[in-house]
């Protein structure tokens, strides 16, 4: 499997039919208590709780299979699962920070990441500084001897700024900071964090990995054992773990990730090009489009794009916006993405920025292109614009 392509890894990683009576998929272990046959075995388990099966929340063959699969896909040493994407972010940040540390966080991060940094890390004595996601090598000016973490998200999940990850990572290493990256948008298929200097890759597996809008799951992949150990210890201390059925759904989703991502990518680009032609749309924020400001970085570092992007439309009254979105037939309104269903969400980037300013007066709409036929999605959006214009 060392020389297998990603598509093949998706199908085979984490499976061992020979160990499970020939059954194709790993079994689902519903577990709390683990029994030990002897005192020696019990005491040996206590001495090394990071390895093996000790207690349900610390890991079972079901969670090990999922972690093994993700680590193989990302080219990391090992992975640690969590109960959600936010749990993965919180666990990873907690693993590498302590009171008195300085942490740099991209100003374009996922909203709950920002809230955790401000409402948990800061009260616990960690100084958090948000920075311009487009800063690149200029981040060197913000680094301090006590900077312990640089947290990246590329692209940002609302406005899609692409970060110069290699340049930022190189600068961060000069002060010994650990580089964390939220890689949910690209998945391991379209961005390889460890090839670009990242130390720890984080996914809201709820989204593309699960892919069916029916499970909560997170995962943290580490470059090496030295990084994995504090992450595993943090997860153990917090007692974070996913239910076995959600882990099984994550494994199921991984098997079809490649074919789904190709469709998400294709449909999103079709929609983005169509939306760019609409008079109501002032900007399309899609990194794979040549007119996007960060397109050159995306083309250099990424091998594909996902189904998530944003548009900016002309400023409109709330009543007109409601007329546009309230009667969508195929696009739902919801705060997740990555599933088979298409979504549309009005957002306000200006309300959360602190290190940078979002000055565009238009209304930002974030779209996720699901697995419906793009012609049907275009028809739904066309009808939405008709309602918008009729309400003006």
Protein backbone atom coordinates (compact mmCIF):
# COMPACT_ATOMS: atom_id res chain seq x y z
CA UNK A 1 0.00 0.00 0.00
CA UNK A 2 3.00 2.36 0.30
CA UNK A 3 2.95 3.00 -3.45
CA UNK A 4 -0.83 2.97 -3.85
CA UNK A 5 -2.63 5.95 -5.33
CA UNK A 6 -5.03 7.98 -3.23
CA UNK A 7 -8.08 6.41 -4.88
CA UNK A 8 -6.82 2.96 -3.92
CA UNK A 9 -5.98 4.01 -0.37
CA UNK A 10 -9.52 5.31 0.05
CA UNK A 11 -10.87 1.87 -0.77
CA UNK A 12 -8.43 -0.26 1.21
CA UNK A 13 -6.93 1.73 4.12
CA UNK A 14 -8.13 0.71 7.57
CA UNK A 15 -9.68 -2.57 6.37
CA UNK A 16 -8.55 -6.06 7.34
CA UNK A 17 -11.11 -8.63 6.15
CA UNK A 18 -8.80 -11.52 7.09
CA UNK A 19 -8.97 -10.46 10.72
CA UNK A 20 -12.76 -10.16 10.66
CA UNK A 21 -14.04 -13.44 9.21
CA UNK A 22 -13.72 -12.07 5.68
CA UNK A 23 -16.13 -9.19 6.36
CA UNK A 24 -15.35 -6.26 4.04
CA UNK A 25 -15.86 -3.40 6.51
CA UNK A 26 -14.34 -3.19 10.02
CA UNK A 27 -16.85 -4.11 12.73
CA UNK A 28 -18.50 -1.48 14.92
CA UNK A 29 -17.39 -1.87 18.53
CA UNK A 30 -19.93 -0.48 21.00
CA UNK A 31 -17.72 -0.32 24.04
CA UNK A 32 -17.27 1.26 27.44
CA UNK A 33 -15.72 -1.41 29.69
CA UNK A 34 -12.73 -3.47 28.60
CA UNK A 35 -11.92 -6.60 30.64
CA UNK A 36 -8.40 -7.80 31.41
CA UNK A 37 -7.69 -11.47 32.06
CA UNK A 38 -4.90 -11.00 34.62
CA UNK A 39 -3.47 -8.45 37.03
CA UNK A 40 -0.35 -8.26 34.87
CA UNK A 41 -2.45 -7.35 31.84
CA UNK A 42 -4.39 -4.72 33.79
CA UNK A 43 -1.23 -3.08 35.13
CA UNK A 44 0.45 -3.19 31.71
CA UNK A 45 -2.55 -1.36 30.30
CA UNK A 46 -2.28 1.34 32.98
CA UNK A 47 1.39 1.90 32.15
CA UNK A 48 0.71 2.71 28.48
CA UNK A 49 -2.76 4.11 28.00
CA UNK A 50 -1.93 5.77 24.68
CA UNK A 51 -1.69 2.44 22.91
CA UNK A 52 -4.11 -0.45 22.58
CA UNK A 53 -7.63 -0.96 23.91
CA UNK A 54 -8.15 0.11 27.55
CA UNK A 55 -11.51 1.84 27.81
CA UNK A 56 -14.13 2.77 25.24
CA UNK A 57 -13.47 6.50 24.99
CA UNK A 58 -9.71 5.98 24.57
CA UNK A 59 -10.04 3.94 21.40
CA UNK A 60 -11.42 0.76 19.90
CA UNK A 61 -10.70 -1.16 16.70
CA UNK A 62 -13.42 0.97 15.07
CA UNK A 63 -11.69 4.27 15.90
CA UNK A 64 -8.25 2.84 15.11
CA UNK A 65 -9.42 1.87 11.63
CA UNK A 66 -10.71 5.37 10.92
CA UNK A 67 -7.56 7.02 12.27
CA UNK A 68 -5.33 4.68 10.28
CA UNK A 69 -7.23 5.49 7.10
CA UNK A 70 -7.00 9.26 7.50
CA UNK A 71 -3.31 9.17 8.44
CA UNK A 72 -2.58 7.10 5.35
CA UNK A 73 -4.46 9.55 3.13
CA UNK A 74 -2.63 12.59 4.51
CA UNK A 75 0.78 10.95 4.69
CA UNK A 76 0.99 11.59 8.43
CA UNK A 77 2.36 9.44 11.23
CA UNK A 78 -0.89 8.81 13.10
CA UNK A 79 -4.25 10.45 13.70
CA UNK A 80 -6.55 11.08 16.66
CA UNK A 81 -10.32 11.15 16.25
CA UNK A 82 -12.69 13.49 18.09
CA UNK A 83 -16.44 13.96 18.41
CA UNK A 84 -16.63 16.93 16.00
CA UNK A 85 -14.58 19.33 13.94
CA UNK A 86 -14.63 21.91 16.73
CA UNK A 87 -13.49 19.25 19.20
CA UNK A 88 -10.56 18.52 16.87
CA UNK A 89 -9.64 22.22 16.71
CA UNK A 90 -9.95 22.69 20.49
CA UNK A 91 -7.98 19.53 21.25
CA UNK A 92 -5.15 20.43 18.87
CA UNK A 93 -4.87 24.00 20.14
CA UNK A 94 -4.92 22.83 23.75
CA UNK A 95 -2.23 20.24 23.09
CA UNK A 96 0.33 22.88 22.09
CA UNK A 97 -0.51 25.87 24.29
CA UNK A 98 -0.15 26.85 27.94
CA UNK A 99 -0.53 30.00 30.01
CA UNK A 100 1.96 32.64 28.91
CA UNK A 101 2.11 31.47 25.29
CA UNK A 102 1.44 33.63 22.26
CA UNK A 103 -0.71 32.16 19.48
CA UNK A 104 -1.25 33.50 15.95
CA UNK A 105 -4.57 32.72 14.29
CA UNK A 106 -5.65 33.57 10.75
CA UNK A 107 -8.33 36.27 10.68
CA UNK A 108 -10.36 34.25 8.17
CA UNK A 109 -10.88 31.14 10.32
CA UNK A 110 -14.08 29.23 10.96
CA UNK A 111 -16.22 31.16 13.48
CA UNK A 112 -16.10 28.53 16.26
CA UNK A 113 -12.29 28.47 16.01
CA UNK A 114 -12.25 32.21 16.68
CA UNK A 115 -14.66 31.82 19.60
CA UNK A 116 -12.59 29.05 21.18
CA UNK A 117 -9.45 31.16 20.89
CA UNK A 118 -11.08 34.24 22.38
CA UNK A 119 -13.37 32.68 24.97
CA UNK A 120 -11.23 29.76 26.16
CA UNK A 121 -7.56 30.26 25.33
CA UNK A 122 -7.43 33.92 26.37
CA UNK A 123 -9.14 33.39 29.76
CA UNK A 124 -6.69 30.53 30.37
CA UNK A 125 -3.75 32.91 30.00
CA UNK A 126 -2.84 32.44 26.32
CA UNK A 127 -2.35 35.61 24.28
CA UNK A 128 -4.16 35.28 20.95
CA UNK A 129 -3.35 37.53 18.01
CA UNK A 130 -5.27 37.36 14.75
CA UNK A 131 -3.40 38.09 11.53
CA UNK A 132 -4.10 38.93 7.91
CA UNK A 133 -4.51 35.58 6.08
CA UNK A 134 -2.66 37.02 3.08
CA UNK A 135 0.39 38.00 5.13
CA UNK A 136 2.65 35.21 3.78
CA UNK A 137 6.29 35.48 4.85
CA UNK A 138 5.43 38.80 6.49
CA UNK A 139 4.21 36.83 9.48
CA UNK A 140 7.83 36.83 10.65
CA UNK A 141 7.22 40.32 12.03
CA UNK A 142 4.50 38.97 14.35
CA UNK A 143 6.41 36.00 15.70
CA UNK A 144 7.79 36.12 19.25
CA UNK A 145 10.03 33.81 21.26
CA UNK A 146 6.90 32.56 23.09
CA UNK A 147 4.79 31.99 19.95
CA UNK A 148 3.79 28.36 20.40
CA UNK A 149 1.21 27.91 17.61
CA UNK A 150 0.40 29.38 14.23
CA UNK A 151 -3.10 28.34 13.22
CA UNK A 152 -3.99 28.40 9.51
CA UNK A 153 -7.12 27.75 7.48
CA UNK A 154 -6.59 27.79 3.73
CA UNK A 155 -8.84 28.76 2.14
CA UNK A 156 -10.92 30.56 4.75
CA UNK A 157 -14.39 29.07 4.94
CA UNK A 158 -16.34 32.30 4.31
CA UNK A 159 -14.20 34.49 2.06
CA UNK A 160 -11.71 31.88 0.78
CA UNK A 161 -8.37 33.64 1.13
CA UNK A 162 -5.57 31.27 0.12
CA UNK A 163 -2.62 31.39 2.50
CA UNK A 164 1.02 31.01 1.53
CA UNK A 165 1.36 27.98 3.78
CA UNK A 166 5.00 27.11 2.96
CA UNK A 167 6.20 30.66 3.63
CA UNK A 168 4.26 30.95 6.88
CA UNK A 169 5.40 27.50 8.05
CA UNK A 170 9.05 28.30 7.32
CA UNK A 171 8.85 31.50 9.33
CA UNK A 172 7.04 29.79 12.20
CA UNK A 173 9.78 27.18 12.51
CA UNK A 174 12.31 29.93 13.22
CA UNK A 175 10.80 30.35 16.71
CA UNK A 176 9.81 26.71 17.18
CA UNK A 177 6.09 27.31 16.73
CA UNK A 178 3.85 24.38 15.80
CA UNK A 179 1.89 24.95 12.58
CA UNK A 180 -1.73 23.78 12.68
CA UNK A 181 -3.93 23.82 9.57
CA UNK A 182 -7.65 23.32 9.15
CA UNK A 183 -7.69 21.30 5.90
CA UNK A 184 -11.43 20.59 5.77
CA UNK A 185 -12.12 22.48 2.51
CA UNK A 186 -9.54 20.71 0.36
CA UNK A 187 -9.52 17.29 2.06
CA UNK A 188 -6.34 15.18 1.78
CA UNK A 189 -7.19 14.70 -1.91
CA UNK A 190 -6.54 18.29 -2.96
CA UNK A 191 -4.00 19.59 -0.43
CA UNK A 192 -1.15 17.71 1.26
CA UNK A 193 -0.32 19.72 4.41
CA UNK A 194 2.83 17.84 5.40
CA UNK A 195 4.36 18.52 1.98
CA UNK A 196 4.06 22.25 2.69
CA UNK A 197 5.55 22.49 6.18
CA UNK A 198 2.44 21.90 8.30
CA UNK A 199 2.86 19.93 11.55
CA UNK A 200 -0.74 19.05 12.39
CA UNK A 201 -3.68 18.77 9.99
CA UNK A 202 -7.24 19.12 11.29
CA UNK A 203 -10.53 18.11 9.67
CA UNK A 204 -14.15 18.57 10.47
CA UNK A 205 -14.79 15.05 9.22
CA UNK A 206 -18.48 15.84 9.66
CA UNK A 207 -18.23 17.50 6.27
CA UNK A 208 -16.60 15.87 3.23
CA UNK A 209 -15.23 12.78 4.94
CA UNK A 210 -18.62 11.69 6.25
CA UNK A 211 -20.27 13.28 3.23
CA UNK A 212 -23.88 12.44 4.04
CA UNK A 213 -24.94 15.10 6.58
CA UNK A 214 -25.68 12.45 9.19
CA UNK A 215 -22.74 12.22 11.62
CA UNK A 216 -20.53 14.43 13.79
CA UNK A 217 -16.82 13.65 13.61
CA UNK A 218 -13.39 15.28 13.76
CA UNK A 219 -9.84 14.07 13.18
CA UNK A 220 -6.32 15.39 13.84
CA UNK A 221 -3.38 14.00 11.84
CA UNK A 222 0.18 14.55 13.08
CA UNK A 223 3.42 14.66 11.14
CA UNK A 224 5.34 12.48 13.61
CA UNK A 225 5.15 10.69 16.96
CA UNK A 226 6.49 13.68 18.88
CA UNK A 227 3.48 15.73 17.74
CA UNK A 228 0.97 12.88 18.03
CA UNK A 229 1.69 12.17 21.70
CA UNK A 230 0.53 15.54 23.14
CA UNK A 231 -2.55 15.47 20.89
CA UNK A 232 -3.50 11.99 22.06
CA UNK A 233 -2.90 12.99 25.68
CA UNK A 234 -5.07 16.10 25.27
CA UNK A 235 -7.88 14.07 23.73
CA UNK A 236 -7.62 11.59 26.61
CA UNK A 237 -7.70 14.36 29.24
CA UNK A 238 -10.74 16.02 27.68
CA UNK A 239 -12.49 12.68 27.26
CA UNK A 240 -13.31 13.53 23.67
CA UNK A 241 -14.40 10.63 21.51
CA UNK A 242 -16.91 9.92 18.77
CA UNK A 243 -19.62 7.30 18.96
CA UNK A 244 -18.83 4.06 17.16
CA UNK A 245 -21.65 4.48 14.67
CA UNK A 246 -20.39 7.93 13.67
CA UNK A 247 -16.92 6.48 13.20
CA UNK A 248 -18.38 3.78 10.99
CA UNK A 249 -20.17 6.45 8.95
CA UNK A 250 -16.86 8.28 8.62
CA UNK A 251 -15.25 5.13 7.28
CA UNK A 252 -18.13 4.64 4.88
CA UNK A 253 -17.76 8.20 3.64
CA UNK A 254 -14.04 7.84 3.00
CA UNK A 255 -14.65 5.00 0.54
CA UNK A 256 -16.50 7.32 -1.85
CA UNK A 257 -14.65 10.56 -1.06
CA UNK A 258 -12.75 10.69 -4.34
CA UNK A 259 -15.74 10.27 -6.64
CA UNK A 260 -17.83 12.68 -4.59
CA UNK A 261 -15.12 15.35 -4.53
CA UNK A 262 -14.74 15.22 -8.29
CA UNK A 263 -18.47 15.90 -8.66
CA UNK A 264 -18.50 18.64 -6.01
CA UNK A 265 -15.58 20.31 -7.76
CA UNK A 266 -17.11 20.11 -11.23
CA UNK A 267 -20.53 21.36 -10.16
CA UNK A 268 -19.12 24.23 -8.09
CA UNK A 269 -17.07 25.50 -11.02
CA UNK A 270 -20.09 25.32 -13.33
CA UNK A 271 -22.15 27.28 -10.82
CA UNK A 272 -19.35 29.78 -10.19
CA UNK A 273 -18.98 30.51 -13.91
CA UNK A 274 -22.73 30.92 -14.34
CA UNK A 275 -22.99 33.18 -11.29
CA UNK A 276 -20.13 35.34 -12.57
CA UNK A 277 -22.31 36.20 -15.56
CA UNK A 278 -25.24 37.41 -13.45
CA UNK A 279 -25.75 41.17 -13.17
CA UNK A 280 -26.71 40.78 -9.51
CA UNK A 281 -23.31 39.26 -8.65
CA UNK A 282 -20.39 41.62 -8.10
CA UNK A 283 -17.75 39.05 -7.11
CA UNK A 284 -17.26 35.28 -7.15
CA UNK A 285 -14.96 34.06 -4.39
CA UNK A 286 -13.70 30.74 -5.74
CA UNK A 287 -9.95 30.00 -5.52
CA UNK A 288 -9.93 27.90 -8.71
CA UNK A 289 -11.16 30.79 -10.86
CA UNK A 290 -8.37 32.81 -12.54
CA UNK A 291 -9.99 36.09 -11.41
CA UNK A 292 -9.69 35.18 -7.72
CA UNK A 293 -6.91 37.18 -5.97
CA UNK A 294 -5.28 34.06 -4.48
CA UNK A 295 -5.58 31.91 -7.59
CA UNK A 296 -1.82 31.72 -8.24
CA UNK A 297 -1.18 30.31 -4.76
CA UNK A 298 -4.06 27.87 -5.15
CA UNK A 299 -2.69 26.69 -8.49
CA UNK A 300 0.80 26.26 -7.02
CA UNK A 301 -0.17 24.28 -3.91
CA UNK A 302 -3.53 22.58 -4.55
CA UNK A 303 -4.49 19.77 -6.92
CA UNK A 304 -8.21 20.51 -6.95
CA UNK A 305 -11.05 22.43 -5.37
CA UNK A 306 -14.14 21.50 -3.43
CA UNK A 307 -17.81 22.39 -3.66
CA UNK A 308 -17.71 25.35 -1.27
CA UNK A 309 -17.36 28.97 -2.43
CA UNK A 310 -18.99 32.37 -1.98
CA UNK A 311 -20.45 35.13 -4.06
CA UNK A 312 -21.08 38.80 -3.33
CA UNK A 313 -24.28 40.31 -4.65
CA UNK A 314 -25.34 43.95 -4.78
CA UNK A 315 -26.56 45.37 -1.47
CA UNK A 316 -30.25 44.55 -1.06
CA UNK A 317 -32.89 45.13 1.62
CA UNK A 318 -33.48 42.24 3.99
CA UNK A 319 -36.97 41.68 2.59
CA UNK A 320 -35.56 41.17 -0.89
CA UNK A 321 -32.90 38.79 0.42
CA UNK A 322 -35.61 36.83 2.22
CA UNK A 323 -37.65 36.65 -0.99
CA UNK A 324 -34.59 35.21 -2.72
CA UNK A 325 -33.67 32.53 -0.22
CA UNK A 326 -36.92 31.56 1.52
CA UNK A 327 -38.34 29.56 -1.39
CA UNK A 328 -35.26 27.76 -2.66
CA UNK A 329 -36.19 24.32 -3.90
CA UNK A 330 -32.86 22.47 -3.96
CA UNK A 331 -30.52 24.68 -1.93
CA UNK A 332 -31.12 24.37 1.79
CA UNK A 333 -30.06 26.94 4.38
CA UNK A 334 -27.82 25.48 7.07
CA UNK A 335 -24.52 25.94 8.84
CA UNK A 336 -22.70 22.85 7.66
CA UNK A 337 -21.47 21.74 4.24
CA UNK A 338 -19.73 18.83 2.58
CA UNK A 339 -22.76 16.59 2.28
CA UNK A 340 -24.53 15.37 -0.83
CA UNK A 341 -27.04 18.23 -0.57
CA UNK A 342 -26.56 21.78 -1.84
CA UNK A 343 -26.62 24.64 0.64
CA UNK A 344 -26.77 28.44 0.56
CA UNK A 345 -26.02 30.65 3.55
CA UNK A 346 -26.08 34.46 3.87
CA UNK A 347 -23.02 35.58 5.87
CA UNK A 348 -21.51 38.79 7.28
CA UNK A 349 -17.69 38.58 7.27
CA UNK A 350 -17.29 42.18 8.45
CA UNK A 351 -18.91 41.35 11.77
CA UNK A 352 -16.16 38.99 12.93
CA UNK A 353 -12.91 40.36 11.46
CA UNK A 354 -10.42 42.00 13.83
CA UNK A 355 -7.01 42.01 12.14
CA UNK A 356 -8.37 42.90 8.72
CA UNK A 357 -11.40 44.77 7.43
CA UNK A 358 -14.07 43.39 5.14
CA UNK A 359 -15.27 46.53 3.37
CA UNK A 360 -17.33 45.18 0.49
CA UNK A 361 -20.85 46.60 0.97
CA UNK A 362 -22.52 43.72 -0.86
CA UNK A 363 -24.27 40.71 0.62
CA UNK A 364 -22.07 37.62 0.87
CA UNK A 365 -23.73 34.28 0.08
CA UNK A 366 -21.83 31.06 0.69
CA UNK A 367 -22.78 28.13 -1.52
CA UNK A 368 -22.05 24.44 -1.31
CA UNK A 369 -22.58 22.55 -4.57
CA UNK A 370 -23.99 19.14 -3.71
CA UNK A 371 -24.43 16.12 -5.94
CA UNK A 372 -27.55 17.30 -7.75
CA UNK A 373 -27.27 17.95 -11.47
CA UNK A 374 -25.80 21.46 -11.99
CA UNK A 375 -28.52 22.34 -14.50
CA UNK A 376 -31.14 21.85 -11.79
CA UNK A 377 -29.12 23.91 -9.33
CA UNK A 378 -28.78 26.73 -11.87
CA UNK A 379 -32.52 26.69 -12.44
CA UNK A 380 -33.10 26.98 -8.68
CA UNK A 381 -30.70 29.94 -8.46
CA UNK A 382 -32.20 31.59 -11.52
CA UNK A 383 -35.64 31.46 -9.90
CA UNK A 384 -34.12 32.88 -6.71
CA UNK A 385 -32.73 35.87 -8.59
CA UNK A 386 -36.12 36.41 -10.23
CA UNK A 387 -37.72 36.60 -6.78
CA UNK A 388 -34.97 38.93 -5.59
CA UNK A 389 -35.46 41.34 -8.48
CA UNK A 390 -39.24 41.26 -8.14
CA UNK A 391 -38.92 42.29 -4.50
CA UNK A 392 -36.68 45.33 -5.20
